[in-house]
N, C-alpha and C. Protein backbone atom coordinates (compact mmCIF):
# COMPACT_ATOMS: atom_id res chain seq x y z
N MET A 1 1.03 -1.45 -0.19
CA MET A 1 0.17 0.07 0.10
C MET A 1 0.89 1.23 -0.07
N GLU A 2 0.40 2.26 -1.16
CA GLU A 2 0.98 3.31 -0.61
C GLU A 2 1.15 4.22 0.26
N ILE A 3 2.26 4.96 0.14
CA ILE A 3 1.98 6.07 1.81
C ILE A 3 1.49 7.29 1.35
N VAL A 4 0.26 8.12 1.87
CA VAL A 4 0.21 9.39 1.67
C VAL A 4 0.53 10.30 1.92
N THR A 5 1.47 10.87 1.15
CA THR A 5 2.30 12.38 2.62
C THR A 5 1.35 13.13 2.35
N THR A 6 2.16 14.40 3.56
CA THR A 6 1.05 15.51 3.52
C THR A 6 1.13 16.39 2.48
N ALA A 7 2.19 16.09 1.55
CA ALA A 7 1.91 16.44 0.31
C ALA A 7 1.40 16.27 -1.13
N ASP A 8 1.12 14.91 -0.65
CA ASP A 8 0.09 14.29 -1.42
C ASP A 8 -1.60 14.88 -1.18
N VAL A 9 -1.74 14.97 0.18
CA VAL A 9 -2.90 15.26 0.65
C VAL A 9 -3.56 16.80 0.07
N ASN A 10 -2.28 17.97 -0.13
CA ASN A 10 -2.43 19.05 -0.66
C ASN A 10 -2.31 19.18 -1.77
N ASP A 11 -2.49 17.98 -2.95
CA ASP A 11 -1.82 17.66 -4.26
C ASP A 11 -3.42 18.20 -4.23
N PRO A 12 -3.70 19.30 -5.42
CA PRO A 12 -5.03 18.90 -6.11
C PRO A 12 -5.74 17.93 -7.04
N ARG A 13 -4.71 17.27 -7.22
CA ARG A 13 -5.29 15.65 -7.93
C ARG A 13 -5.69 14.83 -7.14
N MET A 14 -5.24 14.95 -6.32
CA MET A 14 -5.13 13.83 -4.96
C MET A 14 -6.71 14.09 -4.46
N GLN A 15 -6.90 15.42 -3.99
CA GLN A 15 -8.45 16.04 -3.62
C GLN A 15 -9.45 15.87 -4.28
N ARG A 16 -9.16 15.44 -6.20
CA ARG A 16 -10.22 15.68 -6.49
C ARG A 16 -10.41 14.07 -6.80
N SER A 17 -9.18 13.19 -6.56
CA SER A 17 -9.83 11.78 -6.67
C SER A 17 -10.42 11.17 -5.69
N ARG A 18 -9.75 12.10 -4.44
CA ARG A 18 -10.25 11.82 -3.07
C ARG A 18 -12.15 11.85 -3.48
N ALA A 19 -12.59 13.09 -3.45
CA ALA A 19 -13.78 13.78 -3.63
C ALA A 19 -14.62 12.87 -4.43
N ALA A 20 -13.87 12.82 -5.64
CA ALA A 20 -15.06 11.69 -6.56
C ALA A 20 -15.23 10.44 -6.09
N LEU A 21 -14.27 10.04 -5.05
CA LEU A 21 -14.68 8.34 -4.39
C LEU A 21 -15.40 8.70 -3.56
N LEU A 22 -15.51 10.02 -2.65
CA LEU A 22 -16.59 9.99 -1.79
C LEU A 22 -17.93 10.45 -2.50
N ASP A 23 -17.99 11.07 -3.82
CA ASP A 23 -19.23 11.04 -4.55
C ASP A 23 -19.55 9.79 -4.77
N ALA A 24 -18.95 9.26 -5.26
CA ALA A 24 -19.03 7.84 -5.46
C ALA A 24 -20.18 6.95 -4.72
N ALA A 25 -19.26 7.28 -3.55
CA ALA A 25 -19.17 6.49 -2.65
C ALA A 25 -21.17 6.42 -2.30
N THR A 26 -21.01 7.87 -2.15
CA THR A 26 -22.43 8.41 -1.28
C THR A 26 -23.55 7.99 -2.40
N ASP A 27 -23.38 8.18 -3.72
CA ASP A 27 -24.11 7.91 -4.92
C ASP A 27 -24.68 6.81 -4.65
N LEU A 28 -23.35 5.54 -4.57
CA LEU A 28 -24.16 3.92 -4.71
C LEU A 28 -24.85 3.59 -2.80
N LEU A 29 -24.27 4.24 -1.91
CA LEU A 29 -25.25 3.96 -0.91
C LEU A 29 -26.63 4.48 -0.72
N ASP A 30 -26.73 5.68 -1.30
CA ASP A 30 -28.48 6.12 -1.48
C ASP A 30 -28.58 5.34 -1.69
N THR A 31 -28.23 3.65 -2.72
CA THR A 31 -29.43 2.84 -2.95
C THR A 31 -28.93 1.56 -2.85
N GLN A 32 -28.10 1.19 -2.41
CA GLN A 32 -27.18 0.29 -1.78
C GLN A 32 -27.00 -0.41 -0.55
N ALA A 33 -27.00 -1.29 0.07
CA ALA A 33 -26.09 -1.38 1.41
C ALA A 33 -24.42 -1.49 1.12
N VAL A 34 -23.35 -1.29 2.32
CA VAL A 34 -22.12 -1.63 2.27
C VAL A 34 -21.87 -2.86 1.61
N ALA A 35 -22.19 -3.82 1.80
CA ALA A 35 -21.77 -5.11 1.51
C ALA A 35 -22.38 -5.45 -0.12
N ASP A 36 -23.07 -4.71 -0.41
CA ASP A 36 -23.52 -4.88 -2.36
C ASP A 36 -22.27 -4.13 -3.18
N ILE A 37 -21.97 -3.31 -2.75
CA ILE A 37 -20.89 -2.24 -3.54
C ILE A 37 -19.41 -2.74 -3.33
N SER A 38 -19.21 -2.93 -4.54
CA SER A 38 -17.73 -4.02 -4.73
C SER A 38 -16.32 -2.14 -4.93
N ILE A 39 -15.33 -2.83 -4.85
CA ILE A 39 -14.00 -1.70 -5.45
C ILE A 39 -14.31 -1.63 -6.62
N THR A 40 -14.04 -2.74 -7.20
CA THR A 40 -14.57 -2.64 -8.78
C THR A 40 -15.74 -1.50 -9.52
N LYS A 41 -16.94 -1.68 -8.77
CA LYS A 41 -18.36 -0.96 -8.97
C LYS A 41 -17.76 0.81 -8.91
N LEU A 42 -17.53 0.82 -7.43
CA LEU A 42 -17.28 2.27 -6.91
C LEU A 42 -15.88 2.92 -7.56
N VAL A 43 -14.68 2.08 -7.72
CA VAL A 43 -13.96 3.15 -9.00
C VAL A 43 -14.22 3.09 -9.95
N GLU A 44 -15.45 2.46 -10.97
CA GLU A 44 -16.21 2.85 -12.08
C GLU A 44 -16.71 3.56 -11.72
N HIS A 45 -17.46 4.13 -10.96
CA HIS A 45 -18.78 4.42 -10.71
C HIS A 45 -17.82 6.43 -10.23
N ALA A 46 -16.60 6.18 -9.58
CA ALA A 46 -15.72 7.60 -9.81
C ALA A 46 -14.92 8.13 -10.83
N GLY A 47 -14.55 6.89 -11.66
CA GLY A 47 -13.80 7.22 -12.66
C GLY A 47 -12.09 7.49 -12.45
N VAL A 48 -12.28 6.37 -11.47
CA VAL A 48 -10.38 6.14 -10.99
C VAL A 48 -10.04 4.80 -11.52
N THR A 49 -8.82 4.76 -11.07
CA THR A 49 -8.58 3.35 -10.57
C THR A 49 -8.48 2.32 -9.58
N ARG A 50 -8.22 1.44 -9.27
CA ARG A 50 -7.55 1.13 -8.29
C ARG A 50 -7.11 0.82 -7.03
N PRO A 51 -6.12 1.36 -7.62
CA PRO A 51 -4.76 1.82 -7.01
C PRO A 51 -4.88 3.00 -6.46
N THR A 52 -5.57 3.79 -7.10
CA THR A 52 -6.58 5.04 -6.39
C THR A 52 -7.19 5.16 -5.51
N PHE A 53 -7.86 3.96 -5.53
CA PHE A 53 -8.92 4.01 -3.83
C PHE A 53 -8.14 3.62 -2.82
N TYR A 54 -6.82 2.75 -3.33
CA TYR A 54 -6.08 2.41 -1.80
C TYR A 54 -5.34 3.62 -1.77
N GLN A 55 -4.99 4.11 -2.32
CA GLN A 55 -4.17 5.32 -2.03
C GLN A 55 -4.78 6.26 -0.65
N HIS A 56 -6.37 6.35 -0.34
CA HIS A 56 -7.34 7.19 -0.23
C HIS A 56 -7.95 6.09 1.31
N PHE A 57 -8.43 4.94 0.78
CA PHE A 57 -9.43 4.36 1.91
C PHE A 57 -8.74 2.75 1.79
N PRO A 58 -9.12 1.98 3.18
CA PRO A 58 -8.62 0.18 3.49
C PRO A 58 -9.24 -0.33 2.50
N ASP A 59 -10.63 -0.06 2.64
CA ASP A 59 -11.92 -1.15 2.11
C ASP A 59 -12.83 -0.24 2.67
N ILE A 60 -13.93 -1.06 1.65
CA ILE A 60 -15.60 -0.19 1.60
C ILE A 60 -16.16 0.06 2.94
N PRO A 61 -15.87 -0.31 4.09
CA PRO A 61 -16.61 -0.20 5.23
C PRO A 61 -15.77 1.53 5.31
N GLY A 62 -14.51 1.71 4.99
CA GLY A 62 -13.70 2.65 5.47
C GLY A 62 -14.44 3.70 4.58
N ILE A 63 -14.46 3.53 3.47
CA ILE A 63 -15.01 5.01 2.59
C ILE A 63 -16.59 5.28 2.78
N ALA A 64 -17.09 3.91 3.29
CA ALA A 64 -18.70 4.08 4.07
C ALA A 64 -18.93 5.34 4.92
N ARG A 65 -17.86 5.00 6.22
CA ARG A 65 -17.58 5.78 7.33
C ARG A 65 -17.63 6.81 6.76
N ALA A 66 -16.41 7.08 5.88
CA ALA A 66 -16.00 8.83 5.53
C ALA A 66 -16.82 9.37 4.67
N ALA A 67 -17.61 8.91 4.11
CA ALA A 67 -18.80 9.24 3.03
C ALA A 67 -20.23 9.73 3.56
N ALA A 68 -20.01 8.87 4.97
CA ALA A 68 -21.27 9.63 6.03
C ALA A 68 -21.03 11.14 6.89
N LEU A 69 -19.48 10.81 7.47
CA LEU A 69 -19.17 11.70 8.04
C LEU A 69 -19.10 13.02 7.28
N ARG A 70 -18.70 13.27 5.43
CA ARG A 70 -18.43 13.96 4.98
C ARG A 70 -19.64 14.46 5.23
N ARG A 71 -21.29 13.92 4.46
CA ARG A 71 -21.90 13.92 4.13
C ARG A 71 -22.51 15.00 5.78
N LEU A 72 -22.30 14.21 6.99
CA LEU A 72 -23.04 15.06 8.02
C LEU A 72 -22.04 16.26 7.86
N ALA A 73 -21.15 16.08 7.87
CA ALA A 73 -20.56 17.71 8.41
C ALA A 73 -20.73 18.50 7.56
N ALA A 74 -21.17 18.52 6.05
CA ALA A 74 -21.49 19.13 4.90
C ALA A 74 -23.48 19.61 5.39
N ALA A 75 -23.74 19.08 6.18
CA ALA A 75 -25.50 19.23 6.30
C ALA A 75 -25.74 20.45 7.22
N SER A 76 -24.88 21.14 7.98
CA SER A 76 -25.19 22.50 8.30
C SER A 76 -24.22 23.29 8.83
N PRO A 77 -23.91 24.24 9.11
CA PRO A 77 -22.90 25.44 9.26
C PRO A 77 -22.45 25.33 11.08
N ILE A 78 -21.51 25.23 11.17
CA ILE A 78 -21.22 25.64 13.02
C ILE A 78 -21.94 26.74 13.34
N PRO A 79 -22.40 26.69 14.38
CA PRO A 79 -22.83 28.28 14.47
C PRO A 79 -21.87 29.00 15.16
N ALA A 80 -22.30 30.21 15.69
CA ALA A 80 -21.48 31.35 16.55
C ALA A 80 -21.70 31.40 17.54
N PRO A 81 -20.18 31.58 18.97
CA PRO A 81 -20.71 31.35 19.85
C PRO A 81 -21.94 32.36 20.27
N ILE A 82 -22.42 31.74 21.58
CA ILE A 82 -23.75 32.49 22.18
C ILE A 82 -23.54 32.93 23.23
N PRO A 83 -23.30 34.11 24.29
CA PRO A 83 -23.12 33.85 25.12
C PRO A 83 -24.35 33.87 25.92
N ILE A 84 -24.45 33.17 27.30
CA ILE A 84 -25.73 32.34 28.02
C ILE A 84 -25.58 32.69 29.40
N ALA A 85 -24.61 33.79 30.15
CA ALA A 85 -25.03 34.42 30.93
C ALA A 85 -26.22 34.59 31.55
N ASP A 86 -27.14 35.42 30.70
CA ASP A 86 -28.52 35.63 31.13
C ASP A 86 -29.53 34.85 30.63
N LEU A 87 -28.81 33.68 30.12
CA LEU A 87 -30.12 32.58 30.07
C LEU A 87 -31.26 31.77 31.10
N THR A 88 -32.40 31.57 30.71
CA THR A 88 -32.51 30.93 31.64
C THR A 88 -32.62 29.79 31.36
N ARG A 89 -33.22 28.58 32.12
CA ARG A 89 -33.08 27.40 31.71
C ARG A 89 -33.37 26.79 30.71
N GLN A 90 -34.61 27.13 30.59
CA GLN A 90 -35.34 26.81 28.88
C GLN A 90 -35.15 27.42 28.03
N GLN A 91 -34.60 28.33 28.15
CA GLN A 91 -33.58 28.97 27.22
C GLN A 91 -32.03 28.39 26.28
N LEU A 92 -31.37 27.97 27.56
CA LEU A 92 -30.31 27.12 27.24
C LEU A 92 -31.14 25.38 26.54
N HIS A 93 -31.56 25.29 27.35
CA HIS A 93 -32.28 23.94 26.69
C HIS A 93 -32.85 24.24 24.79
N ASP A 94 -33.61 25.26 24.56
CA ASP A 94 -33.64 25.67 23.58
C ASP A 94 -32.50 26.11 22.35
N LEU A 95 -31.00 26.70 23.16
CA LEU A 95 -29.89 26.89 22.49
C LEU A 95 -29.43 25.55 22.28
N ILE A 96 -29.49 24.25 22.68
CA ILE A 96 -28.72 23.08 22.86
C ILE A 96 -29.32 22.42 21.74
N ALA A 97 -30.70 22.60 22.02
CA ALA A 97 -31.63 22.05 20.89
C ALA A 97 -31.42 22.32 19.22
N ALA A 98 -30.89 23.71 18.80
CA ALA A 98 -31.24 24.91 18.00
C ALA A 98 -29.65 24.10 17.21
N GLN A 99 -28.59 23.69 18.02
CA GLN A 99 -27.28 23.33 17.44
C GLN A 99 -27.40 22.22 17.27
N PHE A 100 -28.28 21.25 17.45
CA PHE A 100 -28.01 19.72 17.36
C PHE A 100 -29.18 19.34 15.90
N LEU A 101 -30.47 20.13 15.86
CA LEU A 101 -31.59 20.15 15.59
C LEU A 101 -30.88 20.07 13.39
N PRO A 102 -30.65 20.67 13.20
CA PRO A 102 -30.31 20.50 11.43
C PRO A 102 -29.91 19.20 11.85
N ASP A 103 -28.65 18.82 12.48
CA ASP A 103 -28.17 17.38 11.78
C ASP A 103 -29.30 16.45 12.09
N LEU A 104 -30.14 17.04 12.86
CA LEU A 104 -30.90 15.30 13.40
C LEU A 104 -31.97 15.32 11.93
N GLU A 105 -32.61 16.62 11.63
CA GLU A 105 -33.08 16.72 10.59
C GLU A 105 -32.55 15.78 8.96
N HIS A 106 -31.74 16.59 8.76
CA HIS A 106 -30.53 16.54 8.31
C HIS A 106 -30.53 14.45 8.42
N LEU A 107 -30.37 14.10 8.89
CA LEU A 107 -30.68 12.23 9.32
C LEU A 107 -31.75 11.55 8.86
N ALA A 108 -32.49 12.46 9.41
CA ALA A 108 -34.06 11.80 8.88
C ALA A 108 -34.59 11.74 7.47
N ALA A 109 -34.17 12.98 6.88
CA ALA A 109 -33.59 13.29 5.21
C ALA A 109 -33.08 12.11 4.96
N HIS A 110 -31.88 11.87 5.05
CA HIS A 110 -31.06 11.06 4.59
C HIS A 110 -31.28 9.52 5.62
N ARG A 111 -32.17 9.18 6.04
CA ARG A 111 -32.21 8.12 7.03
C ARG A 111 -31.98 6.57 6.61
N ASP A 112 -31.80 6.06 5.20
CA ASP A 112 -31.88 5.09 4.44
C ASP A 112 -29.84 5.06 4.14
N PHE A 113 -29.80 6.09 3.81
CA PHE A 113 -28.53 6.10 3.62
C PHE A 113 -27.64 6.00 4.71
N TYR A 114 -28.01 6.42 5.81
CA TYR A 114 -27.13 6.61 7.09
C TYR A 114 -27.06 5.12 7.68
N LEU A 115 -28.60 4.92 7.71
CA LEU A 115 -28.65 2.83 8.34
C LEU A 115 -27.61 1.97 7.57
N ARG A 116 -27.43 2.49 6.67
CA ARG A 116 -26.82 1.57 5.62
C ARG A 116 -25.78 1.85 6.22
N VAL A 117 -24.82 2.69 6.44
CA VAL A 117 -23.96 2.89 7.05
C VAL A 117 -23.56 2.51 8.45
N LEU A 118 -24.80 2.60 8.86
CA LEU A 118 -23.85 2.18 10.21
C LEU A 118 -24.54 0.88 10.21
N ASP A 119 -25.07 0.47 9.68
CA ASP A 119 -25.33 -1.79 9.57
C ASP A 119 -24.03 -2.39 8.75
N GLY A 120 -23.49 -1.47 7.87
CA GLY A 120 -22.44 -2.21 7.01
C GLY A 120 -21.22 -1.61 7.74
N ALA A 121 -20.83 -0.66 8.35
CA ALA A 121 -19.47 0.31 8.01
C ALA A 121 -18.81 0.64 9.51
N SER A 122 -20.49 0.06 10.54
CA SER A 122 -19.81 1.13 12.00
C SER A 122 -19.19 -0.11 12.93
N ASP A 123 -18.27 1.54 13.28
CA ASP A 123 -17.26 0.57 14.29
C ASP A 123 -17.08 1.63 15.02
N LEU A 124 -16.15 1.36 16.05
CA LEU A 124 -15.81 2.67 17.67
C LEU A 124 -15.83 3.90 17.13
N HIS A 125 -14.36 3.78 15.70
CA HIS A 125 -13.96 4.53 15.10
C HIS A 125 -14.59 5.77 14.51
N LEU A 126 -16.22 5.42 13.98
CA LEU A 126 -16.73 5.99 13.09
C LEU A 126 -18.14 6.67 14.59
N LEU A 127 -18.27 5.90 15.45
CA LEU A 127 -19.19 6.20 16.20
C LEU A 127 -18.23 7.52 16.94
N GLY A 128 -17.33 7.57 17.26
CA GLY A 128 -16.04 8.52 18.38
C GLY A 128 -15.89 9.54 16.84
N ALA A 129 -16.20 9.09 15.57
CA ALA A 129 -15.99 10.20 14.77
C ALA A 129 -17.37 11.68 14.93
N LEU A 130 -18.32 10.68 14.81
CA LEU A 130 -20.16 11.43 15.61
C LEU A 130 -19.97 12.15 16.28
N VAL A 131 -19.18 11.48 17.47
CA VAL A 131 -19.41 12.05 18.88
C VAL A 131 -18.43 13.65 18.21
N THR A 132 -17.07 13.60 17.59
CA THR A 132 -16.05 14.43 17.36
C THR A 132 -16.59 15.11 16.81
N LEU A 133 -17.59 15.30 15.60
CA LEU A 133 -18.53 15.75 14.84
C LEU A 133 -19.41 16.62 15.49
N SER A 134 -19.89 16.33 15.87
CA SER A 134 -21.73 16.76 17.08
C SER A 134 -20.04 17.97 18.07
N LEU A 135 -19.68 17.35 18.59
CA LEU A 135 -18.50 18.04 19.68
C LEU A 135 -18.61 19.26 19.05
N GLU A 136 -17.52 19.32 17.88
CA GLU A 136 -17.48 20.56 16.75
C GLU A 136 -18.60 21.28 16.33
N ARG A 137 -18.97 21.17 16.23
CA ARG A 137 -20.54 22.00 16.18
C ARG A 137 -21.23 22.56 17.27
N THR A 138 -21.04 22.29 18.48
CA THR A 138 -21.34 23.20 19.70
C THR A 138 -20.36 24.01 19.80
N THR A 139 -20.77 25.39 20.25
CA THR A 139 -19.86 26.36 20.70
C THR A 139 -19.60 26.43 22.26
N LEU A 140 -17.90 25.82 22.34
CA LEU A 140 -18.00 25.24 23.79
C LEU A 140 -18.00 27.01 24.63
N GLU A 141 -17.38 28.24 24.02
CA GLU A 141 -17.64 29.03 24.41
C GLU A 141 -18.81 29.68 25.00
N THR A 142 -19.83 28.71 24.40
CA THR A 142 -21.72 28.83 24.78
C THR A 142 -21.55 28.60 26.45
N PHE A 143 -20.59 27.86 26.71
CA PHE A 143 -21.04 26.92 28.11
C PHE A 143 -19.65 26.93 28.94
N GLU A 144 -18.79 28.16 28.60
CA GLU A 144 -17.83 28.19 29.80
C GLU A 144 -18.47 28.77 31.00
N HIS A 145 -18.82 30.33 30.87
CA HIS A 145 -19.60 30.34 32.35
C HIS A 145 -20.88 29.56 32.70
N VAL A 146 -21.53 28.86 32.22
CA VAL A 146 -22.04 27.71 33.06
C VAL A 146 -21.19 26.77 33.74
N THR A 147 -20.36 26.20 33.19
CA THR A 147 -19.27 24.99 33.21
C THR A 147 -18.58 25.60 34.96
N ARG A 148 -17.91 26.71 34.48
CA ARG A 148 -16.94 27.22 35.38
C ARG A 148 -17.90 27.66 36.72
N GLU A 149 -18.73 28.00 37.08
CA GLU A 149 -19.72 28.30 37.98
C GLU A 149 -20.03 26.53 38.80
N GLN A 150 -19.76 25.76 37.78
CA GLN A 150 -20.44 24.31 38.71
C GLN A 150 -19.04 23.62 38.78
N GLY A 151 -17.78 24.63 38.57
CA GLY A 151 -16.19 23.11 38.93
C GLY A 151 -15.93 22.26 37.84
N THR A 152 -16.67 21.95 36.29
CA THR A 152 -16.48 21.50 35.35
C THR A 152 -15.65 21.99 33.93
N SER A 153 -15.88 21.61 33.00
CA SER A 153 -15.22 21.94 31.49
C SER A 153 -16.18 22.17 30.94
N ALA A 154 -16.61 23.32 30.11
CA ALA A 154 -16.98 22.76 28.80
C ALA A 154 -16.97 22.00 27.95
N HIS A 155 -15.61 21.49 27.51
CA HIS A 155 -15.47 20.07 26.92
C HIS A 155 -16.16 18.90 27.42
N ASP A 156 -16.05 18.62 28.63
CA ASP A 156 -16.45 17.51 28.93
C ASP A 156 -18.13 17.79 29.37
N LEU A 157 -18.70 18.31 29.27
CA LEU A 157 -20.14 19.12 29.46
C LEU A 157 -20.30 18.72 28.06
N MET A 158 -20.27 19.21 26.77
CA MET A 158 -20.43 18.95 25.53
C MET A 158 -20.24 17.63 25.13
N THR A 159 -19.01 17.35 25.18
CA THR A 159 -18.38 15.65 25.05
C THR A 159 -19.96 14.78 25.55
N LEU A 160 -20.17 14.93 26.74
CA LEU A 160 -21.76 14.81 27.29
C LEU A 160 -22.76 14.52 26.45
N ILE A 161 -23.03 15.69 26.34
CA ILE A 161 -24.31 15.99 25.06
C ILE A 161 -23.70 15.78 23.76
N ALA A 162 -22.47 15.97 23.24
CA ALA A 162 -22.15 15.01 22.38
C ALA A 162 -22.25 13.76 22.14
N GLY A 163 -22.05 12.60 23.54
CA GLY A 163 -22.25 11.50 23.28
C GLY A 163 -23.87 11.14 23.25
N GLY A 164 -24.39 11.92 23.86
CA GLY A 164 -25.88 11.82 23.98
C GLY A 164 -26.61 11.58 22.45
N VAL A 165 -26.20 12.97 21.75
CA VAL A 165 -26.79 13.11 20.44
C VAL A 165 -26.27 11.86 19.66
N THR A 166 -25.12 11.26 19.68
CA THR A 166 -24.76 10.05 18.80
C THR A 166 -25.30 8.76 19.06
N TRP A 167 -25.81 9.06 20.46
CA TRP A 167 -26.76 7.84 20.90
C TRP A 167 -28.26 7.96 20.06
N LEU A 168 -28.76 9.28 20.08
CA LEU A 168 -29.81 9.93 19.28
C LEU A 168 -29.87 8.93 18.14
N ILE A 169 -28.80 9.20 17.02
CA ILE A 169 -28.20 9.29 16.00
C ILE A 169 -28.50 7.22 15.78
N ILE A 170 -27.46 6.78 16.50
CA ILE A 170 -27.45 5.40 16.40
C ILE A 170 -28.88 4.70 16.45
N THR A 171 -29.62 5.24 17.00
CA THR A 171 -30.58 4.21 18.06
C THR A 171 -32.18 4.83 16.91
């Protein structure tokens, strides 16, 4: 297997081939189970070669996970921090819900795609990446004030919330 260097990752040709592979995987996963997608079928759909596939991904479950994370990451923008010093408990609840609702709506709209990925390519790496993605979508600055008063960190609080959101996604 060829080793991809940092210089390769910044190469526009590498970026285009990776994007083509992810686009093809997304298209195929919209209608097919992970187990029904072959590397041959995927590279033909992407218009790249088999060695190009292996430069980017180890196997079909690996590209399925990457396609799901890429699709979910593009679903909604990362919100701007909102100071919460004067928010009521209900307003804080509504703020948290507003940060995760677009992702949950996106997941519902593309339910079959994500179920195929979870069914055929789910592993601890994917689940951890989902928590990380959810965590990146939160505005930690929003929770700094509240957590400082309670003696905990905003990162720990939001990791707990992101883990809960990931559990909602899975169930």
